[in-house]
Amino acid sequence: MRVYVPLTLPGLAEAYKTGELGAAPLVAYAVTPALREWYVSDDLEELEYAALNRAALASLRLLAADPAAARRRVVVAVDVPDRAATSDPDRALDPAALGEVRVAGAVPLAKAAAVHVDAGDAETDVAAAARALEAADGGDDDAQFVVDGAEDHELLWYATQEIPNLVGLGD
């Protein structure tokens, strides 16, 4: 199963240093039955894109909690055994939990298929979205418009070999 793990650039640097994507159970996003029902599509690529976007929103939440992190959303795509990722059926109807799964056990960074990161030109919009997130969660339509502005930026695809350069440890 392909899962999408939300991170920040400091989180990616830590994963590169330790070789693992955080402590288990790891929160990630995947094509779950609830996501399929919400998105109403049978196209697996579209569904995976929706799961990636859910992870990007979770990355934005991580940025809102870490004002020192560079204002760029980070999502790591990784393949895990199907049995390793489970969704909480009690949260299936919660819109905030669409596509959310918990991955049991350690997830080696070496298993990553790709890394998705905002381009530098997205930083202003991502910073504004991180600041507006709490108000948007509270129902403020203007704040939601700001958060949606970050989603207008497509995450760029990077090969895993490019991680050292992304985190400032490349040659």
Protein backbone atom coordinates (compact mmCIF):
# COMPACT_ATOMS: atom_id res chain seq x y z
CA MET A 1 0.00 0.00 0.00
CA ARG A 2 1.28 3.46 -0.88
CA VAL A 3 1.05 5.85 2.06
CA TYR A 4 1.87 9.53 2.21
CA VAL A 5 3.69 10.71 5.32
CA PRO A 6 3.42 14.41 6.20
CA LEU A 7 6.64 16.06 7.38
CA THR A 8 8.46 19.37 7.48
CA LEU A 9 11.96 20.00 6.13
CA PRO A 10 13.43 19.60 9.66
CA GLY A 11 11.42 16.37 9.97
CA LEU A 12 12.82 15.16 6.65
CA ALA A 13 16.34 16.06 7.82
CA GLU A 14 15.77 14.02 10.99
CA ALA A 15 14.47 11.09 8.94
CA TYR A 16 17.56 11.31 6.73
CA LYS A 17 19.80 11.33 9.80
CA THR A 18 18.07 8.41 11.58
CA GLY A 19 16.99 6.46 8.51
CA GLU A 20 13.39 6.25 9.74
CA LEU A 21 10.22 8.27 9.15
CA GLY A 22 9.34 9.06 12.76
CA ALA A 23 8.17 6.99 15.68
CA ALA A 24 5.52 4.29 15.33
CA PRO A 25 2.62 4.40 15.05
CA LEU A 26 3.15 6.83 12.24
CA VAL A 27 0.28 8.97 10.94
CA ALA A 28 0.05 8.85 7.17
CA TYR A 29 -2.58 9.15 4.44
CA ALA A 30 -3.67 6.54 1.92
CA VAL A 31 -6.54 5.50 -0.30
CA THR A 32 -8.99 4.29 2.35
CA PRO A 33 -12.64 3.24 1.86
CA ALA A 34 -13.76 6.56 3.39
CA LEU A 35 -11.52 8.54 1.01
CA ARG A 36 -12.88 6.56 -1.95
CA GLU A 37 -16.44 7.33 -0.88
CA TRP A 38 -15.70 11.03 -0.31
CA TYR A 39 -13.80 11.51 -3.57
CA VAL A 40 -16.24 9.45 -5.65
CA SER A 41 -13.74 8.15 -8.16
CA ASP A 42 -12.50 4.75 -9.25
CA ASP A 43 -9.33 6.19 -10.79
CA LEU A 44 -6.48 5.07 -8.52
CA GLU A 45 -4.19 7.90 -9.65
CA GLU A 46 -6.83 10.49 -8.73
CA LEU A 47 -7.41 8.81 -5.38
CA GLU A 48 -3.68 8.72 -4.61
CA TYR A 49 -3.48 12.40 -5.55
CA ALA A 50 -6.31 13.09 -3.09
CA ALA A 51 -4.41 11.16 -0.37
CA LEU A 52 -1.26 13.15 -1.19
CA ASN A 53 -3.23 16.40 -0.79
CA ARG A 54 -4.59 15.22 2.57
CA ALA A 55 -1.00 14.60 3.67
CA ALA A 56 -0.01 18.07 2.40
CA LEU A 57 -2.70 19.58 4.63
CA ALA A 58 -1.34 17.55 7.56
CA SER A 59 2.13 18.89 6.73
CA LEU A 60 0.68 22.41 6.87
CA ARG A 61 -0.58 21.58 10.37
CA LEU A 62 2.94 20.51 11.34
CA LEU A 63 4.26 23.82 10.01
CA ALA A 64 1.66 25.74 12.02
CA ALA A 65 2.98 23.98 15.14
CA ASP A 66 6.65 24.67 14.28
CA PRO A 67 7.22 28.35 13.48
CA ALA A 68 10.96 27.77 13.03
CA ALA A 69 10.50 25.31 10.13
CA ALA A 70 10.87 26.52 6.55
CA ARG A 71 7.43 27.28 5.16
CA ARG A 72 7.40 24.41 2.68
CA ARG A 73 5.09 21.41 2.93
CA VAL A 74 6.78 18.00 2.72
CA VAL A 75 5.19 14.63 1.98
CA VAL A 76 7.08 11.35 1.67
CA ALA A 77 5.48 8.62 -0.46
CA VAL A 78 6.36 5.18 0.83
CA ASP A 79 5.12 1.66 0.19
CA VAL A 80 4.28 -0.43 3.26
CA PRO A 81 2.68 -3.87 3.60
CA ASP A 82 -1.12 -3.62 3.48
CA ARG A 83 -1.44 -5.05 6.98
CA ALA A 84 0.91 -2.37 8.39
CA ALA A 85 -1.50 0.53 7.66
CA THR A 86 -4.87 0.67 9.40
CA SER A 87 -7.57 3.29 9.52
CA ASP A 88 -9.65 4.00 12.61
CA PRO A 89 -13.26 3.09 11.78
CA ASP A 90 -14.48 5.40 14.57
CA ARG A 91 -12.99 8.36 12.68
CA ALA A 92 -14.13 7.29 9.21
CA LEU A 93 -16.88 9.92 9.12
CA ASP A 94 -14.68 12.72 10.47
CA PRO A 95 -13.82 14.98 7.50
CA ALA A 96 -10.47 15.83 9.12
CA ALA A 97 -9.51 12.14 9.14
CA LEU A 98 -10.29 11.28 5.51
CA GLY A 99 -7.55 9.00 4.25
CA GLU A 100 -5.77 8.94 7.61
CA VAL A 101 -4.03 5.70 8.54
CA ARG A 102 -1.67 4.60 11.28
CA VAL A 103 1.39 2.68 10.21
CA ALA A 104 2.58 0.14 12.75
CA GLY A 105 6.28 -0.44 13.17
CA ALA A 106 9.28 1.47 11.92
CA VAL A 107 9.19 2.83 8.38
CA PRO A 108 12.69 3.01 6.91
CA LEU A 109 13.36 6.07 4.76
CA ALA A 110 15.02 3.65 2.33
CA LYS A 111 11.51 2.36 1.49
CA ALA A 112 10.44 5.81 0.26
CA ALA A 113 9.39 5.98 -3.37
CA ALA A 114 9.56 9.78 -3.66
CA VAL A 115 9.46 13.05 -1.77
CA HIS A 116 7.04 15.87 -2.58
CA VAL A 117 7.98 19.40 -1.49
CA ASP A 118 6.71 22.90 -2.16
CA ALA A 119 8.79 25.07 -4.45
CA GLY A 120 10.43 28.10 -2.88
CA ASP A 121 7.89 30.43 -4.52
CA ALA A 122 5.12 28.81 -2.43
CA GLU A 123 6.65 29.86 0.91
CA THR A 124 4.71 33.12 1.24
CA ASP A 125 1.35 31.44 0.63
CA VAL A 126 2.24 28.45 2.82
CA ALA A 127 3.31 30.77 5.65
CA ALA A 128 0.03 32.68 5.40
CA ALA A 129 -1.93 29.41 5.33
CA ALA A 130 -0.13 28.12 8.43
CA ARG A 131 -1.06 31.32 10.26
CA ALA A 132 -4.70 31.12 9.08
CA LEU A 133 -5.21 27.43 9.79
CA GLU A 134 -6.64 27.78 13.29
CA ALA A 135 -9.18 30.39 12.19
CA ALA A 136 -10.09 28.27 9.15
CA ASP A 137 -10.69 25.29 11.41
CA GLY A 138 -13.01 27.52 13.43
CA GLY A 139 -15.16 28.25 10.38
CA ASP A 140 -13.67 31.57 9.20
CA ASP A 141 -14.30 31.66 5.44
CA ASP A 142 -11.62 34.28 4.78
CA ALA A 143 -9.05 32.17 6.62
CA GLN A 144 -10.16 29.09 4.66
CA PHE A 145 -9.56 31.05 1.45
CA VAL A 146 -5.97 31.68 2.62
CA VAL A 147 -5.47 28.00 3.46
CA ASP A 148 -6.84 27.05 0.04
CA GLY A 149 -4.25 29.40 -1.48
CA ALA A 150 -1.48 27.09 -0.31
CA GLU A 151 -3.26 24.18 -1.96
CA ASP A 152 -3.05 26.03 -5.26
CA HIS A 153 0.68 25.23 -5.25
CA GLU A 154 1.53 21.79 -6.58
CA LEU A 155 4.10 19.89 -4.59
CA LEU A 156 7.18 19.12 -6.65
CA TRP A 157 8.38 15.53 -7.07
CA TYR A 158 11.89 14.61 -5.93
CA ALA A 159 13.74 11.32 -6.12
CA THR A 160 14.91 9.98 -2.78
CA GLN A 161 18.51 10.54 -3.89
CA GLU A 162 17.76 14.27 -3.78
CA ILE A 163 16.91 14.29 -0.05
CA PRO A 164 20.41 15.44 1.04
CA ASN A 165 20.09 18.51 -1.20
CA LEU A 166 16.55 19.21 0.05
CA VAL A 167 17.69 19.24 3.69
CA GLY A 168 20.91 21.16 3.05
CA LEU A 169 23.31 18.23 3.43
CA GLY A 170 24.20 17.77 -0.22
CA ASP A 171 27.44 18.57 -1.92
